[in-house]
């Protein structure tokens, strides 16, 4: 974490730095802080698919069905649908059972 903080001090306009920090926070189960970083990453780079993938997983953990479904739809638009269906079974299964 200290290294990513240094990176953000050098360049706070780099979406991948926020995405990396968010992944670390997600791994530590600090979901609110992780969500903030994913939001910053997406605001900087709206097609950063990794941020949508993990943000959808946070929304699922927080039981926010509407926002999880919205993020999964965005992921499907950004990524080839066949690849998406193969790589992200957890999101595919959630979408099948919870989203219209």
N, C-alpha and C. Protein backbone atom coordinates (compact mmCIF):
# COMPACT_ATOMS: atom_id res chain seq x y z
N UNK A 1 0.82 -1.21 0.00
CA UNK A 1 0.00 0.00 0.00
C UNK A 1 0.86 1.27 0.00
N UNK A 2 1.98 1.30 0.73
CA UNK A 2 2.78 2.54 0.71
C UNK A 2 3.26 2.91 -0.69
N UNK A 3 3.55 1.91 -1.52
CA UNK A 3 4.05 2.21 -2.85
C UNK A 3 2.96 2.80 -3.74
N UNK A 4 1.77 2.28 -3.61
CA UNK A 4 0.68 2.83 -4.43
C UNK A 4 0.33 4.24 -3.96
N UNK A 5 0.45 4.49 -2.66
CA UNK A 5 0.22 5.85 -2.15
C UNK A 5 1.25 6.82 -2.73
N UNK A 6 2.50 6.38 -2.84
CA UNK A 6 3.54 7.22 -3.44
C UNK A 6 3.22 7.48 -4.91
N UNK A 7 2.77 6.45 -5.60
CA UNK A 7 2.39 6.62 -7.01
C UNK A 7 1.28 7.65 -7.15
N UNK A 8 0.29 7.58 -6.26
CA UNK A 8 -0.83 8.53 -6.34
C UNK A 8 -0.39 9.95 -6.02
N UNK A 9 0.61 10.10 -5.16
CA UNK A 9 1.13 11.43 -4.87
C UNK A 9 1.86 12.00 -6.08
N UNK A 10 2.51 11.14 -6.83
CA UNK A 10 3.23 11.57 -8.03
C UNK A 10 2.24 11.91 -9.14
N UNK A 11 1.22 11.04 -9.32
CA UNK A 11 0.26 11.26 -10.41
C UNK A 11 -1.12 10.77 -9.98
N UNK A 12 -1.92 11.70 -9.52
CA UNK A 12 -3.26 11.33 -9.06
C UNK A 12 -4.29 11.33 -10.20
N UNK A 13 -3.80 11.42 -11.43
CA UNK A 13 -4.70 11.36 -12.57
C UNK A 13 -4.59 10.02 -13.30
N UNK A 14 -3.90 9.08 -12.72
CA UNK A 14 -3.70 7.76 -13.33
C UNK A 14 -4.73 6.78 -12.78
N UNK A 15 -5.67 6.38 -13.60
CA UNK A 15 -6.77 5.49 -13.19
C UNK A 15 -6.25 4.16 -12.66
N UNK A 16 -5.20 3.63 -13.27
CA UNK A 16 -4.68 2.32 -12.83
C UNK A 16 -4.14 2.35 -11.41
N UNK A 17 -3.65 3.50 -10.96
CA UNK A 17 -3.19 3.60 -9.57
C UNK A 17 -4.37 3.47 -8.61
N UNK A 18 -5.47 4.13 -8.93
CA UNK A 18 -6.67 4.01 -8.09
C UNK A 18 -7.23 2.59 -8.15
N UNK A 19 -7.20 1.99 -9.34
CA UNK A 19 -7.69 0.62 -9.49
C UNK A 19 -6.85 -0.34 -8.65
N UNK A 20 -5.55 -0.17 -8.67
CA UNK A 20 -4.66 -1.04 -7.88
C UNK A 20 -4.92 -0.86 -6.39
N UNK A 21 -5.04 0.38 -5.95
CA UNK A 21 -5.33 0.63 -4.55
C UNK A 21 -6.67 0.01 -4.16
N UNK A 22 -7.65 0.15 -5.03
CA UNK A 22 -8.97 -0.43 -4.77
C UNK A 22 -8.89 -1.95 -4.64
N UNK A 23 -8.09 -2.59 -5.50
CA UNK A 23 -7.93 -4.05 -5.41
C UNK A 23 -7.32 -4.46 -4.08
N UNK A 24 -6.32 -3.70 -3.64
CA UNK A 24 -5.71 -3.99 -2.34
C UNK A 24 -6.72 -3.84 -1.21
N UNK A 25 -7.48 -2.78 -1.24
CA UNK A 25 -8.49 -2.55 -0.21
C UNK A 25 -9.60 -3.60 -0.27
N UNK A 26 -9.96 -4.02 -1.47
CA UNK A 26 -10.96 -5.08 -1.64
C UNK A 26 -10.47 -6.36 -0.96
N UNK A 27 -9.20 -6.68 -1.20
CA UNK A 27 -8.60 -7.87 -0.58
C UNK A 27 -8.58 -7.80 0.93
N UNK A 28 -8.52 -6.59 1.46
CA UNK A 28 -8.55 -6.40 2.92
C UNK A 28 -9.98 -6.27 3.44
N UNK A 29 -10.96 -6.44 2.55
CA UNK A 29 -12.38 -6.34 2.88
C UNK A 29 -12.78 -4.96 3.37
N UNK A 30 -12.07 -3.95 2.90
CA UNK A 30 -12.42 -2.55 3.20
C UNK A 30 -13.24 -2.05 2.02
N UNK A 31 -14.49 -2.48 2.00
CA UNK A 31 -15.33 -2.30 0.82
C UNK A 31 -15.66 -0.85 0.50
N UNK A 32 -15.95 -0.05 1.51
CA UNK A 32 -16.29 1.36 1.24
C UNK A 32 -15.11 2.12 0.67
N UNK A 33 -13.93 1.91 1.24
CA UNK A 33 -12.73 2.58 0.74
C UNK A 33 -12.38 2.08 -0.66
N UNK A 34 -12.56 0.77 -0.86
CA UNK A 34 -12.32 0.18 -2.17
C UNK A 34 -13.26 0.78 -3.21
N UNK A 35 -14.53 0.90 -2.85
CA UNK A 35 -15.54 1.48 -3.75
C UNK A 35 -15.16 2.90 -4.15
N UNK A 36 -14.69 3.70 -3.18
CA UNK A 36 -14.28 5.07 -3.49
C UNK A 36 -13.17 5.09 -4.54
N UNK A 37 -12.21 4.19 -4.40
CA UNK A 37 -11.10 4.15 -5.36
C UNK A 37 -11.55 3.66 -6.73
N UNK A 38 -12.44 2.66 -6.76
CA UNK A 38 -12.97 2.21 -8.06
C UNK A 38 -13.73 3.33 -8.74
N UNK A 39 -14.51 4.09 -7.96
CA UNK A 39 -15.24 5.21 -8.54
C UNK A 39 -14.29 6.25 -9.13
N UNK A 40 -13.21 6.54 -8.42
CA UNK A 40 -12.22 7.50 -8.94
C UNK A 40 -11.59 6.98 -10.22
N UNK A 41 -11.25 5.69 -10.23
CA UNK A 41 -10.64 5.09 -11.43
C UNK A 41 -11.59 5.19 -12.62
N UNK A 42 -12.86 4.88 -12.40
CA UNK A 42 -13.85 4.92 -13.47
C UNK A 42 -14.09 6.36 -13.94
N UNK A 43 -14.07 7.31 -13.01
CA UNK A 43 -14.24 8.71 -13.41
C UNK A 43 -13.10 9.18 -14.30
N UNK A 44 -11.90 8.68 -14.04
CA UNK A 44 -10.74 9.06 -14.85
C UNK A 44 -10.74 8.31 -16.18
N UNK A 45 -11.03 7.02 -16.12
CA UNK A 45 -10.99 6.18 -17.32
C UNK A 45 -12.26 5.33 -17.38
N UNK A 46 -13.30 5.83 -18.04
CA UNK A 46 -14.62 5.18 -18.02
C UNK A 46 -14.69 3.78 -18.60
N UNK A 47 -13.67 3.34 -19.32
CA UNK A 47 -13.72 1.98 -19.87
C UNK A 47 -12.74 1.03 -19.17
N UNK A 48 -12.37 1.33 -17.95
CA UNK A 48 -11.46 0.48 -17.18
C UNK A 48 -12.26 -0.70 -16.62
N UNK A 49 -12.29 -1.76 -17.37
CA UNK A 49 -13.19 -2.89 -17.08
C UNK A 49 -12.94 -3.53 -15.71
N UNK A 50 -11.69 -3.63 -15.30
CA UNK A 50 -11.39 -4.25 -14.01
C UNK A 50 -12.11 -3.54 -12.86
N UNK A 51 -12.19 -2.23 -12.94
CA UNK A 51 -12.88 -1.47 -11.90
C UNK A 51 -14.37 -1.81 -11.85
N UNK A 52 -14.97 -2.00 -13.01
CA UNK A 52 -16.39 -2.38 -13.04
C UNK A 52 -16.59 -3.79 -12.49
N UNK A 53 -15.67 -4.70 -12.81
CA UNK A 53 -15.79 -6.09 -12.35
C UNK A 53 -15.80 -6.14 -10.83
N UNK A 54 -14.83 -5.50 -10.21
CA UNK A 54 -14.76 -5.55 -8.76
C UNK A 54 -15.80 -4.68 -8.08
N UNK A 55 -16.15 -3.57 -8.73
CA UNK A 55 -17.20 -2.74 -8.14
C UNK A 55 -18.52 -3.51 -8.15
N UNK A 56 -18.79 -4.26 -9.22
CA UNK A 56 -20.00 -5.10 -9.26
C UNK A 56 -19.97 -6.12 -8.13
N UNK A 57 -18.81 -6.69 -7.87
CA UNK A 57 -18.69 -7.67 -6.78
C UNK A 57 -18.94 -7.01 -5.42
N UNK A 58 -18.51 -5.77 -5.27
CA UNK A 58 -18.79 -5.05 -4.02
C UNK A 58 -20.29 -4.82 -3.90
N UNK A 59 -20.91 -4.36 -4.98
CA UNK A 59 -22.36 -4.13 -4.95
C UNK A 59 -23.10 -5.42 -4.59
N UNK A 60 -22.63 -6.55 -5.11
CA UNK A 60 -23.25 -7.84 -4.77
C UNK A 60 -23.11 -8.11 -3.28
N UNK A 61 -21.90 -7.91 -2.75
CA UNK A 61 -21.69 -8.12 -1.31
C UNK A 61 -22.56 -7.19 -0.47
N UNK A 62 -22.76 -5.97 -0.96
CA UNK A 62 -23.57 -5.00 -0.23
C UNK A 62 -25.07 -5.16 -0.53
N UNK A 63 -25.40 -6.15 -1.35
CA UNK A 63 -26.78 -6.45 -1.72
C UNK A 63 -27.47 -5.29 -2.45
N UNK A 64 -26.69 -4.60 -3.26
CA UNK A 64 -27.25 -3.52 -4.07
C UNK A 64 -27.44 -4.07 -5.48
N UNK A 65 -28.56 -4.75 -5.66
CA UNK A 65 -28.87 -5.45 -6.90
C UNK A 65 -28.87 -4.53 -8.11
N UNK A 66 -29.50 -3.39 -8.00
CA UNK A 66 -29.62 -2.48 -9.15
C UNK A 66 -28.25 -2.04 -9.67
N UNK A 67 -27.39 -1.62 -8.76
CA UNK A 67 -26.07 -1.13 -9.19
C UNK A 67 -25.18 -2.28 -9.67
N UNK A 68 -25.30 -3.45 -9.05
CA UNK A 68 -24.54 -4.62 -9.52
C UNK A 68 -24.94 -4.97 -10.94
N UNK A 69 -26.23 -4.98 -11.20
CA UNK A 69 -26.72 -5.30 -12.55
C UNK A 69 -26.26 -4.26 -13.56
N UNK A 70 -26.30 -3.01 -13.18
CA UNK A 70 -25.84 -1.93 -14.07
C UNK A 70 -24.38 -2.13 -14.44
N UNK A 71 -23.54 -2.42 -13.44
CA UNK A 71 -22.11 -2.63 -13.72
C UNK A 71 -21.89 -3.86 -14.60
N UNK A 72 -22.63 -4.92 -14.35
CA UNK A 72 -22.46 -6.13 -15.17
C UNK A 72 -22.87 -5.84 -16.62
N UNK A 73 -23.90 -5.06 -16.83
CA UNK A 73 -24.30 -4.67 -18.19
C UNK A 73 -23.20 -3.87 -18.86
N UNK A 74 -22.57 -2.98 -18.12
CA UNK A 74 -21.46 -2.19 -18.66
C UNK A 74 -20.30 -3.11 -19.04
N UNK A 75 -20.00 -4.07 -18.18
CA UNK A 75 -18.92 -5.03 -18.46
C UNK A 75 -19.21 -5.77 -19.76
N UNK A 76 -20.45 -6.20 -19.93
CA UNK A 76 -20.81 -6.93 -21.15
C UNK A 76 -20.68 -6.04 -22.39
N UNK A 77 -20.91 -4.75 -22.23
CA UNK A 77 -20.76 -3.83 -23.36
C UNK A 77 -19.29 -3.59 -23.68
N UNK A 78 -18.45 -3.54 -22.64
CA UNK A 78 -17.03 -3.25 -22.84
C UNK A 78 -16.25 -4.46 -23.33
N UNK A 79 -16.71 -5.63 -23.00
CA UNK A 79 -15.98 -6.85 -23.31
C UNK A 79 -16.84 -7.72 -24.21
N UNK A 80 -16.22 -8.46 -25.09
CA UNK A 80 -16.95 -9.40 -25.92
C UNK A 80 -17.79 -10.31 -25.04
N UNK A 81 -19.06 -10.42 -25.33
CA UNK A 81 -20.00 -11.14 -24.46
C UNK A 81 -19.59 -12.60 -24.26
N UNK A 82 -19.09 -13.29 -25.29
CA UNK A 82 -18.69 -14.69 -25.15
C UNK A 82 -17.51 -14.83 -24.19
N UNK A 83 -16.56 -13.91 -24.30
CA UNK A 83 -15.41 -13.94 -23.38
C UNK A 83 -15.90 -13.65 -21.97
N UNK A 84 -16.75 -12.67 -21.84
CA UNK A 84 -17.30 -12.32 -20.52
C UNK A 84 -17.97 -13.53 -19.88
N UNK A 85 -18.82 -14.21 -20.63
CA UNK A 85 -19.55 -15.35 -20.08
C UNK A 85 -18.62 -16.47 -19.65
N UNK A 86 -17.50 -16.60 -20.31
CA UNK A 86 -16.54 -17.65 -19.96
C UNK A 86 -15.67 -17.28 -18.76
N UNK A 87 -15.24 -16.04 -18.67
CA UNK A 87 -14.26 -15.64 -17.66
C UNK A 87 -14.84 -15.29 -16.30
N UNK A 88 -16.05 -14.81 -16.25
CA UNK A 88 -16.59 -14.29 -14.99
C UNK A 88 -17.87 -15.02 -14.60
N UNK A 89 -17.72 -16.29 -14.26
CA UNK A 89 -18.89 -17.10 -13.93
C UNK A 89 -19.68 -16.55 -12.76
N UNK A 90 -19.01 -15.98 -11.77
CA UNK A 90 -19.74 -15.44 -10.62
C UNK A 90 -20.67 -14.31 -11.06
N UNK A 91 -20.19 -13.43 -11.92
CA UNK A 91 -21.03 -12.34 -12.39
C UNK A 91 -22.09 -12.84 -13.36
N UNK A 92 -21.73 -13.79 -14.20
CA UNK A 92 -22.69 -14.37 -15.14
C UNK A 92 -23.85 -15.01 -14.37
N UNK A 93 -23.54 -15.78 -13.35
CA UNK A 93 -24.58 -16.44 -12.56
C UNK A 93 -25.45 -15.43 -11.82
N UNK A 94 -24.81 -14.40 -11.29
CA UNK A 94 -25.57 -13.35 -10.60
C UNK A 94 -26.51 -12.65 -11.57
N UNK A 95 -25.98 -12.32 -12.74
CA UNK A 95 -26.79 -11.62 -13.74
C UNK A 95 -27.98 -12.48 -14.17
N UNK A 96 -27.74 -13.76 -14.38
CA UNK A 96 -28.80 -14.67 -14.80
C UNK A 96 -29.92 -14.76 -13.78
N UNK A 97 -29.57 -14.71 -12.51
CA UNK A 97 -30.58 -14.91 -11.48
C UNK A 97 -31.15 -13.62 -10.89
N UNK A 98 -30.48 -12.46 -11.07
CA UNK A 98 -30.92 -11.24 -10.42
C UNK A 98 -31.24 -10.05 -11.34
N UNK A 99 -30.79 -10.13 -12.59
CA UNK A 99 -30.94 -8.97 -13.47
C UNK A 99 -31.91 -9.30 -14.61
N UNK A 100 -32.59 -8.29 -15.09
CA UNK A 100 -33.55 -8.50 -16.18
C UNK A 100 -32.85 -8.68 -17.49
